[in-house]
Structures are given as structure tokens and as C-alpha cells.
């Protein structure tokens, strides 16, 4: 008698089989079948974010840093010397044609992500991309389709679904601990970056830089959004930045996103580059809720930013006094995405981070802008495997 399996079980098994096929080059033959080799990484973009990624990657037992690349030669050379990376390049074509590697880690300006990710996929490299993975939903969907055609994988930041606090909230929701979920709110903002113009240029904005975290968290906890309404604006029309001086702001620096997740659940995200925040860009000392979820039997408050949380405040109908739970952050850090993917490639364990989720978040951001332009609710077509945890 044939075993009956659910669609979710079928998708899970299919994903594991596909992962196993892609991981064949990483697994040794013979008696030491389960001994794996390190994943070779080529990193592109040696700016400020690399200063967090490279130290983390250099400590991972699953990573071998093969090359770094930057259009500013001095930055590439300095990064290679500091982290003992044997090769550095000044153009992605040189990097892809140079020392062989398995996974491209893309930390460049967000406007370049889609183009560079495509070049890597065409050369049959896996890709970990900082957010967003592309500049439009159509471009992101094309990248995902291309990765499947090429027999490789692509993943996109952020890695918020990896935190123990996210897992704790997700399990409480799935187990019905707060009853029927009705609403949620998230916020993230500061006074805006000064080190580069790309945050304020076409393809930049507070949505792909800041809102992306909260959208990933809320959709991860509540399920894919069915439709979106949004408003965006520009509060500060001119900015002074380190690399270009005074510039005109083109991308939104203020955004409100309203998502309908189905089953009556509504959520709201606000983000912007005009928020006075005593915790600053680094979020040091943030000990207040930034994510709130309400249900008929309780509520959950994520303490700290979702990219650096350290607790969940819980109140329920059977324990009305708020208590703090999930205070252990474990090994989670926001910059761990590429190392988690390297571990996944080396061991065959499917990560919680999924390209389909990143693509859905990208569609939510695009729909927010479309809603601003049209004044209408925008229906979404993308989805991802839910629940994440």
C-alpha cells in the first residue's frame, strides 16, 4: 500500500532531494561519507557591511574565504590583507574567472544586487545576497528561475527567521498560546545613513534598507501577505553624504505598509530615515518592543530590533502579568546569513532562510510603492513555505 503524504510533506521531501543533488560535490566518497569540506566563498563589496561579514565568515568552520572583490582597488586589497584572503579583484568578471569558489556573497550597493547575482548564477555559483536580492519582483523571480535552471541556489537577507526569539514567537502562535491572532505592528527607523548616496537614489529607500527586516519578520510569523496597501513620502528632500556631497533624495525616506495576511489578520510596518532614535543606527541599548502581536488570548512583544533581539515579553489570559521569555540569543547575529548557508551547503541541512520568502518580501515592498502611486490595495501573487518554524 502506497504511503499517503500531505502536500507539505511532499514539498519538504522534494526540497531535501534537490538539496542533496546540489550538495554532491561537497561530500567526500568512501568510508568518511559524512565528512564534508569547507564551502569556498567569493565575497563582493568591501564596504561597511563587509566589516561585519568578514570577521564572522573567517571564524566559520564551514567557510574558506577564497577571494574578495571591490571596484575600489584599495578596499579590496585591504580586506584581503586584513582577513588573509588569498585573492582580490576589482571586477566581478575577474572574480568569476579567477580562483574557483562555490558561493558568491554579495554585499554591494542594493541597486547592483540583481545584475551581479545574475552573473554569478550564470557561472553556476550559489548566491547569498544582502537585501534585497533584486530591485523588482520580476527581476527577483527571474533570478530564482535562473538558479533552478542552472542547478544552483540563491538566498537573500535578512536572516531574522534564525533568531531564537523569532522561533519562540512562531511556536507560541502555532500552538495557539495567544489565541486567534488579529493584528501586529512593527517599526524600525533612524536619521539615515550618511556614508553613501545609494540609500537615497532610485532603487534605494527606507523600505529595502529598513522595512525589509520587519516585513520579513511579520510575514514569517503571520504568513504570506495576500494584499498590501501603503503610503510613502520624502520628508528630507536633500541629503549630504560622504561620497557625493549634497544630493537630491529620490527614493522614499518614510513608509507605512499595511498587510492583509488572510484569516482576518492585519499587520502594519513603519520605517524611515527621519526618526530621532537615541539608540542610533547600531541600536545599542534598545530594550523596548519593536514588534507587537495581539491575539484573543494574549500578546507578544519582541524586545530589541528583530535583527538583534534579546527577549520576548508575553502576557496571556491565564498569566496576565507580563513575563520575559526567550532571553538567550544563542549564536544568532544578523550577519550570519552567509555562514548559515555555507553550513547548509556543507551538511545538507535545509536552512530556515528561503529565497521564496525573500522574493515575497520584495513583492510586498514593490506593492507598497504601487499602492502609493495608485491609491489602491495591491494583490500579491508570491508565497513561501509557512510556518517557517
Protein backbone atom coordinates (compact mmCIF):
# COMPACT_ATOMS: atom_id res chain seq x y z
CA UNK A 1 0.00 0.00 0.00
CA UNK A 2 1.41 3.35 -1.02
CA UNK A 3 2.18 5.84 1.75
CA UNK A 4 -0.08 8.90 1.66
CA UNK A 5 1.71 12.17 2.27
CA UNK A 6 0.50 15.73 2.55
CA UNK A 7 1.47 18.47 0.12
CA UNK A 8 3.71 19.99 2.82
CA UNK A 9 5.49 16.64 3.32
CA UNK A 10 5.87 16.29 -0.45
CA UNK A 11 7.42 19.77 -0.76
CA UNK A 12 9.71 19.05 2.19
CA UNK A 13 10.95 15.80 0.69
CA UNK A 14 11.36 17.36 -2.75
CA UNK A 15 13.42 20.20 -1.29
CA UNK A 16 15.66 17.74 0.55
CA UNK A 17 16.20 15.65 -2.58
CA UNK A 18 17.05 18.76 -4.62
CA UNK A 19 19.43 19.94 -1.89
CA UNK A 20 21.11 16.53 -1.80
CA UNK A 21 21.74 16.65 -5.54
CA UNK A 22 23.25 20.11 -5.34
CA UNK A 23 25.43 19.11 -2.41
CA UNK A 24 27.01 16.09 -4.10
CA UNK A 25 30.25 17.99 -4.89
CA UNK A 26 30.67 18.86 -1.21
CA UNK A 27 30.57 15.31 0.16
CA UNK A 28 33.58 13.02 0.13
CA UNK A 29 33.47 9.42 -1.03
CA UNK A 30 34.48 6.24 0.79
CA UNK A 31 34.30 5.38 4.45
CA UNK A 32 34.16 9.02 5.59
CA UNK A 33 30.95 9.61 3.68
CA UNK A 34 29.62 12.28 6.03
CA UNK A 35 32.85 14.24 6.33
CA UNK A 36 32.42 17.49 4.46
CA UNK A 37 34.80 20.02 3.04
CA UNK A 38 34.58 23.76 3.51
CA UNK A 39 32.50 25.88 1.18
CA UNK A 40 34.66 28.22 -0.88
CA UNK A 41 33.42 31.80 -0.79
CA UNK A 42 33.97 34.76 -3.06
CA UNK A 43 32.79 37.99 -1.45
CA UNK A 44 31.99 41.11 -3.46
CA UNK A 45 31.59 44.55 -1.89
CA UNK A 46 34.23 45.51 0.67
CA UNK A 47 32.40 48.47 2.19
CA UNK A 48 31.00 48.92 5.68
CA UNK A 49 28.89 45.75 5.77
CA UNK A 50 31.91 43.58 4.92
CA UNK A 51 33.43 44.75 8.20
CA UNK A 52 30.77 42.66 9.93
CA UNK A 53 30.61 39.77 7.48
CA UNK A 54 34.31 39.03 7.01
CA UNK A 55 35.19 38.57 10.70
CA UNK A 56 32.17 36.30 11.11
CA UNK A 57 32.91 34.24 7.99
CA UNK A 58 36.59 33.91 8.86
CA UNK A 59 35.62 32.12 12.09
CA UNK A 60 33.17 29.65 10.49
CA UNK A 61 34.38 26.03 10.33
CA UNK A 62 32.36 25.62 7.12
CA UNK A 63 33.94 28.51 5.22
CA UNK A 64 37.09 29.01 3.16
CA UNK A 65 37.44 32.62 2.05
CA UNK A 66 38.87 32.42 -1.47
CA UNK A 67 38.50 35.94 -2.84
CA UNK A 68 37.20 39.45 -2.26
CA UNK A 69 36.23 42.00 -4.89
CA UNK A 70 35.55 45.73 -4.91
CA UNK A 71 35.51 48.41 -7.59
CA UNK A 72 37.76 50.46 -5.31
CA UNK A 73 41.07 48.54 -5.53
CA UNK A 74 42.38 49.82 -2.20
CA UNK A 75 39.36 48.45 -0.35
CA UNK A 76 39.66 45.01 -1.94
CA UNK A 77 43.39 44.87 -1.24
CA UNK A 78 42.97 46.00 2.37
CA UNK A 79 40.18 43.48 3.06
CA UNK A 80 42.23 40.65 1.58
CA UNK A 81 45.23 41.56 3.70
CA UNK A 82 43.27 42.02 6.93
CA UNK A 83 41.40 38.72 6.70
CA UNK A 84 44.13 36.70 4.97
CA UNK A 85 42.11 36.13 1.80
CA UNK A 86 44.48 34.84 -0.92
CA UNK A 87 42.89 36.64 -3.91
CA UNK A 88 41.40 40.05 -4.55
CA UNK A 89 39.83 41.52 -7.68
CA UNK A 90 38.41 44.84 -8.88
CA UNK A 91 35.69 43.49 -11.19
CA UNK A 92 33.22 40.64 -10.86
CA UNK A 93 34.24 39.23 -14.25
CA UNK A 94 37.78 38.82 -12.92
CA UNK A 95 36.47 37.23 -9.73
CA UNK A 96 34.24 34.75 -11.55
CA UNK A 97 37.06 33.83 -13.93
CA UNK A 98 39.66 33.70 -11.16
CA UNK A 99 40.20 31.38 -8.20
CA UNK A 100 37.29 28.88 -8.14
CA UNK A 101 34.64 29.28 -5.44
CA UNK A 102 31.21 27.84 -4.64
CA UNK A 103 29.20 30.70 -3.10
CA UNK A 104 29.13 34.40 -4.03
CA UNK A 105 28.42 36.65 -1.04
CA UNK A 106 27.04 39.89 -2.48
CA UNK A 107 27.45 42.97 -0.22
CA UNK A 108 27.40 45.65 -2.91
CA UNK A 109 25.07 48.66 -3.29
CA UNK A 110 21.49 47.37 -3.42
CA UNK A 111 20.95 48.73 -6.93
CA UNK A 112 23.62 46.29 -8.17
CA UNK A 113 22.32 43.14 -6.48
CA UNK A 114 20.14 41.82 -9.29
CA UNK A 115 22.74 42.33 -12.02
CA UNK A 116 25.62 40.82 -10.08
CA UNK A 117 23.57 37.93 -8.74
CA UNK A 118 22.58 37.02 -12.30
CA UNK A 119 26.21 36.99 -13.44
CA UNK A 120 27.11 34.60 -10.62
CA UNK A 121 24.18 32.28 -11.31
CA UNK A 122 25.09 32.14 -15.00
CA UNK A 123 28.52 30.89 -13.90
CA UNK A 124 26.82 28.23 -11.74
CA UNK A 125 27.72 29.80 -8.41
CA UNK A 126 25.38 29.68 -5.44
CA UNK A 127 24.47 33.17 -4.20
CA UNK A 128 23.91 34.74 -0.80
CA UNK A 129 22.72 38.30 -1.40
CA UNK A 130 22.32 41.09 1.07
CA UNK A 131 18.90 42.70 0.92
CA UNK A 132 17.17 43.00 -1.38
CA UNK A 133 18.08 40.11 -3.72
CA UNK A 134 16.89 42.20 -6.71
CA UNK A 135 15.38 45.61 -7.41
CA UNK A 136 11.99 44.42 -8.66
CA UNK A 137 9.82 41.39 -8.08
CA UNK A 138 10.11 40.43 -11.76
CA UNK A 139 13.90 40.58 -11.58
CA UNK A 140 13.91 38.53 -8.37
CA UNK A 141 11.57 35.90 -9.83
CA UNK A 142 13.80 35.65 -12.91
CA UNK A 143 16.84 35.09 -10.65
CA UNK A 144 15.07 32.31 -8.77
CA UNK A 145 14.01 30.65 -12.03
CA UNK A 146 17.56 31.00 -13.39
CA UNK A 147 19.06 29.41 -10.28
CA UNK A 148 16.86 26.35 -10.78
CA UNK A 149 17.81 26.15 -14.45
CA UNK A 150 21.49 26.35 -13.55
CA UNK A 151 21.25 23.76 -10.76
CA UNK A 152 22.38 26.18 -8.04
CA UNK A 153 20.68 28.10 -5.23
CA UNK A 154 20.12 31.73 -4.31
CA UNK A 155 19.20 33.11 -0.90
CA UNK A 156 18.51 36.65 0.28
CA UNK A 157 18.91 38.56 3.53
CA UNK A 158 17.75 39.27 6.14
CA UNK A 159 18.32 36.29 8.44
CA UNK A 160 15.76 37.35 11.07
CA UNK A 161 13.97 33.97 10.97
CA UNK A 162 17.08 32.40 12.53
CA UNK A 163 16.83 34.11 15.92
CA UNK A 164 15.67 32.10 18.97
CA UNK A 165 13.22 34.90 19.70
CA UNK A 166 11.58 34.53 16.28
CA UNK A 167 11.32 30.78 16.85
CA UNK A 168 9.77 31.30 20.30
CA UNK A 169 7.13 33.68 18.96
CA UNK A 170 6.38 31.45 16.00
CA UNK A 171 5.85 28.37 18.17
CA UNK A 172 3.58 30.27 20.56
CA UNK A 173 1.46 31.43 17.63
CA UNK A 174 1.36 27.98 16.00
CA UNK A 175 0.47 26.33 19.31
CA UNK A 176 -2.41 28.75 19.88
CA UNK A 177 -0.90 30.22 23.05
CA UNK A 178 -2.20 33.71 22.23
CA UNK A 179 -5.48 32.52 20.72
CA UNK A 180 -6.58 33.73 17.31
CA UNK A 181 -4.11 36.31 16.02
CA UNK A 182 -5.71 39.56 14.93
CA UNK A 183 -3.10 42.28 14.49
CA UNK A 184 0.58 43.16 14.58
CA UNK A 185 2.79 46.23 14.40
CA UNK A 186 6.50 46.69 13.68
CA UNK A 187 8.76 49.72 13.40
CA UNK A 188 12.36 50.49 12.56
CA UNK A 189 13.97 53.82 11.79
CA UNK A 190 16.80 56.27 12.43
CA UNK A 191 18.11 59.53 10.93
CA UNK A 192 19.51 57.86 7.83
CA UNK A 193 22.93 56.69 6.63
CA UNK A 194 25.49 59.28 5.63
CA UNK A 195 28.22 57.12 4.09
CA UNK A 196 26.72 56.56 0.64
CA UNK A 197 24.24 58.15 -1.74
CA UNK A 198 22.72 54.85 -2.90
CA UNK A 199 20.31 54.75 0.05
CA UNK A 200 18.52 57.82 -1.36
CA UNK A 201 18.84 57.16 -5.10
CA UNK A 202 16.48 55.28 -7.42
CA UNK A 203 16.30 51.70 -6.21
CA UNK A 204 17.21 52.66 -2.65
CA UNK A 205 14.91 53.87 0.09
CA UNK A 206 13.84 53.11 3.63
CA UNK A 207 11.79 50.09 2.51
CA UNK A 208 14.64 47.93 1.15
CA UNK A 209 17.09 49.16 3.78
CA UNK A 210 14.92 49.13 6.93
CA UNK A 211 11.38 47.93 6.30
CA UNK A 212 12.70 44.71 4.77
CA UNK A 213 13.52 43.37 8.25
CA UNK A 214 10.07 43.94 9.75
CA UNK A 215 8.28 42.70 6.63
CA UNK A 216 10.34 39.51 6.71
CA UNK A 217 9.58 39.05 10.41
CA UNK A 218 5.84 39.67 10.23
CA UNK A 219 5.27 37.56 7.13
CA UNK A 220 7.43 34.86 8.71
CA UNK A 221 5.32 34.89 11.88
CA UNK A 222 1.85 35.52 10.42
CA UNK A 223 2.12 34.00 6.96
CA UNK A 224 2.47 35.42 3.44
CA UNK A 225 0.61 38.64 2.77
CA UNK A 226 -2.39 38.37 0.44
CA UNK A 227 -2.57 42.08 -0.34
CA UNK A 228 -0.92 45.36 0.60
CA UNK A 229 -1.81 48.99 0.97
CA UNK A 230 0.87 51.58 1.56
CA UNK A 231 1.92 55.17 1.72
CA UNK A 232 5.40 56.56 1.15
CA UNK A 233 6.86 60.04 1.24
CA UNK A 234 10.06 62.07 1.18
CA UNK A 235 10.47 64.09 4.37
CA UNK A 236 14.00 65.39 3.73
CA UNK A 237 14.39 66.28 0.02
CA UNK A 238 18.15 66.89 0.20
CA UNK A 239 20.89 64.97 1.99
CA UNK A 240 24.62 65.41 2.40
CA UNK A 241 26.53 62.14 2.07
CA UNK A 242 30.18 61.23 2.31
CA UNK A 243 30.75 60.02 -1.25
CA UNK A 244 28.79 62.63 -3.27
CA UNK A 245 28.18 65.64 -1.04
CA UNK A 246 24.75 67.25 -1.36
CA UNK A 247 22.24 65.11 -3.28
CA UNK A 248 18.54 65.16 -4.14
CA UNK A 249 16.57 62.40 -2.44
CA UNK A 250 14.65 60.29 -4.98
CA UNK A 251 13.68 57.13 -3.06
CA UNK A 252 11.19 57.20 -0.17
CA UNK A 253 12.62 58.06 3.25
CA UNK A 254 9.31 57.44 5.04
CA UNK A 255 6.94 54.49 4.58
CA UNK A 256 3.82 52.88 6.03
CA UNK A 257 2.88 49.34 4.99
CA UNK A 258 -0.46 47.65 5.77
CA UNK A 259 -0.61 43.90 5.05
CA UNK A 260 -3.58 41.54 4.93
CA UNK A 261 -2.37 38.03 5.78
CA UNK A 262 -5.79 36.39 5.40
CA UNK A 263 -7.90 34.82 8.17
CA UNK A 264 -8.68 38.31 9.43
CA UNK A 265 -5.04 39.07 10.33
CA UNK A 266 -3.80 42.60 9.59
CA UNK A 267 -0.32 43.95 10.26
CA UNK A 268 1.47 47.27 9.94
CA UNK A 269 5.11 48.24 9.35
CA UNK A 270 6.53 51.74 9.59
CA UNK A 271 10.09 52.65 8.65
CA UNK A 272 12.01 55.76 7.81
CA UNK A 273 15.20 57.80 7.69
CA UNK A 274 13.72 60.67 9.72
CA UNK A 275 13.26 59.05 13.12
CA UNK A 276 15.09 60.50 16.07
CA UNK A 277 16.23 57.38 17.90
CA UNK A 278 18.50 57.60 20.95
CA UNK A 279 19.74 54.09 20.11
CA UNK A 280 21.08 55.25 16.74
CA UNK A 281 21.86 53.21 13.65
CA UNK A 282 23.59 50.48 15.67
CA UNK A 283 20.63 50.03 18.01
CA UNK A 284 22.88 49.84 21.07
CA UNK A 285 20.85 49.64 24.28
CA UNK A 286 17.46 49.20 22.59
CA UNK A 287 15.38 47.45 25.26
CA UNK A 288 11.86 48.30 24.13
CA UNK A 289 9.43 46.36 21.93
CA UNK A 290 9.77 46.85 18.17
CA UNK A 291 7.40 44.04 17.13
CA UNK A 292 3.99 43.58 18.77
CA UNK A 293 1.49 40.82 18.02
CA UNK A 294 -2.01 40.64 19.51
CA UNK A 295 -4.35 37.69 19.77
CA UNK A 296 -7.62 36.89 21.51
CA UNK A 297 -5.84 35.14 24.42
CA UNK A 298 -2.56 37.05 24.71
CA UNK A 299 0.09 39.24 23.18
CA UNK A 300 3.78 39.00 22.28
CA UNK A 301 6.31 41.84 22.29
CA UNK A 302 9.72 41.34 20.67
CA UNK A 303 12.34 43.21 22.73
CA UNK A 304 15.11 44.89 20.76
CA UNK A 305 15.23 45.09 16.99
CA UNK A 306 14.28 41.95 15.09
CA UNK A 307 17.80 41.81 13.64
CA UNK A 308 19.24 41.90 17.19
CA UNK A 309 16.52 40.72 19.62
CA UNK A 310 17.15 39.52 23.16
CA UNK A 311 13.77 38.65 24.62
CA UNK A 312 10.04 38.26 24.17
CA UNK A 313 7.56 39.80 26.62
CA UNK A 314 4.49 37.58 26.94
CA UNK A 315 1.08 38.16 28.52
CA UNK A 316 -1.73 35.60 28.20
CA UNK A 317 -5.26 35.15 29.56
CA UNK A 318 -4.05 32.52 32.04
CA UNK A 319 -0.99 34.57 33.08
CA UNK A 320 -1.86 38.23 32.69
CA UNK A 321 1.29 39.66 34.27
CA UNK A 322 3.84 40.24 31.54
CA UNK A 323 6.85 37.93 31.75
CA UNK A 324 10.04 38.00 29.71
CA UNK A 325 10.92 34.79 27.89
CA UNK A 326 13.47 33.62 25.28
CA UNK A 327 16.28 35.76 26.68
CA UNK A 328 19.06 33.53 25.30
CA UNK A 329 20.19 34.74 21.86
CA UNK A 330 22.41 31.70 21.35
CA UNK A 331 24.84 32.19 18.47
CA UNK A 332 22.47 34.33 16.42
CA UNK A 333 23.82 37.54 14.85
CA UNK A 334 22.28 39.46 11.96
CA UNK A 335 25.32 38.94 9.72
CA UNK A 336 25.19 35.15 9.95
CA UNK A 337 23.26 34.50 6.74
CA UNK A 338 26.22 33.55 4.54
CA UNK A 339 27.76 31.33 7.20
CA UNK A 340 24.42 29.58 7.80
CA UNK A 341 24.11 28.97 4.07
CA UNK A 342 27.68 27.66 3.96
CA UNK A 343 26.85 25.24 6.76
CA UNK A 344 23.75 24.18 4.85
CA UNK A 345 25.72 23.56 1.66
CA UNK A 346 28.32 21.59 3.59
CA UNK A 347 25.94 19.44 5.63
CA UNK A 348 22.81 19.15 3.51
CA UNK A 349 20.52 20.60 6.18
CA UNK A 350 17.92 22.90 4.64
CA UNK A 351 18.13 26.40 6.17
CA UNK A 352 15.16 28.32 7.55
CA UNK A 353 16.04 31.18 5.20
CA UNK A 354 14.34 30.69 1.82
CA UNK A 355 14.62 32.51 -1.50
CA UNK A 356 10.85 32.37 -1.87
CA UNK A 357 10.44 34.30 1.38
CA UNK A 358 12.92 36.98 0.28
CA UNK A 359 11.10 37.21 -3.05
CA UNK A 360 7.76 37.65 -1.25
CA UNK A 361 9.21 40.46 0.88
CA UNK A 362 10.43 42.11 -2.32
CA UNK A 363 6.93 41.94 -3.78
CA UNK A 364 5.47 43.49 -0.60
CA UNK A 365 7.86 46.44 -0.92
CA UNK A 366 7.08 46.87 -4.60
CA UNK A 367 3.34 46.68 -3.87
CA UNK A 368 3.68 49.36 -1.19
CA UNK A 369 5.11 51.76 -3.76
CA UNK A 370 2.44 50.78 -6.29
CA UNK A 371 -0.25 51.45 -3.70
CA UNK A 372 1.20 54.90 -3.05
CA UNK A 373 1.10 55.66 -6.78
CA UNK A 374 -2.42 54.34 -7.40
CA UNK A 375 -4.16 54.77 -4.05
CA UNK A 376 -5.34 51.16 -4.34
CA UNK A 377 -4.92 47.88 -2.49
CA UNK A 378 -2.43 45.69 -4.38
CA UNK A 379 -2.99 41.93 -4.58
CA UNK A 380 0.12 39.73 -4.27
CA UNK A 381 0.92 36.56 -6.18
CA UNK A 382 4.02 35.23 -4.38
CA UNK A 383 4.10 32.91 -1.41
CA UNK A 384 6.57 30.79 0.57
CA UNK A 385 6.59 27.78 2.83
CA UNK A 386 4.78 28.58 6.08
CA UNK A 387 5.19 28.19 9.00
CA UNK A 388 8.90 28.88 8.86
CA UNK A 389 9.45 27.34 12.33
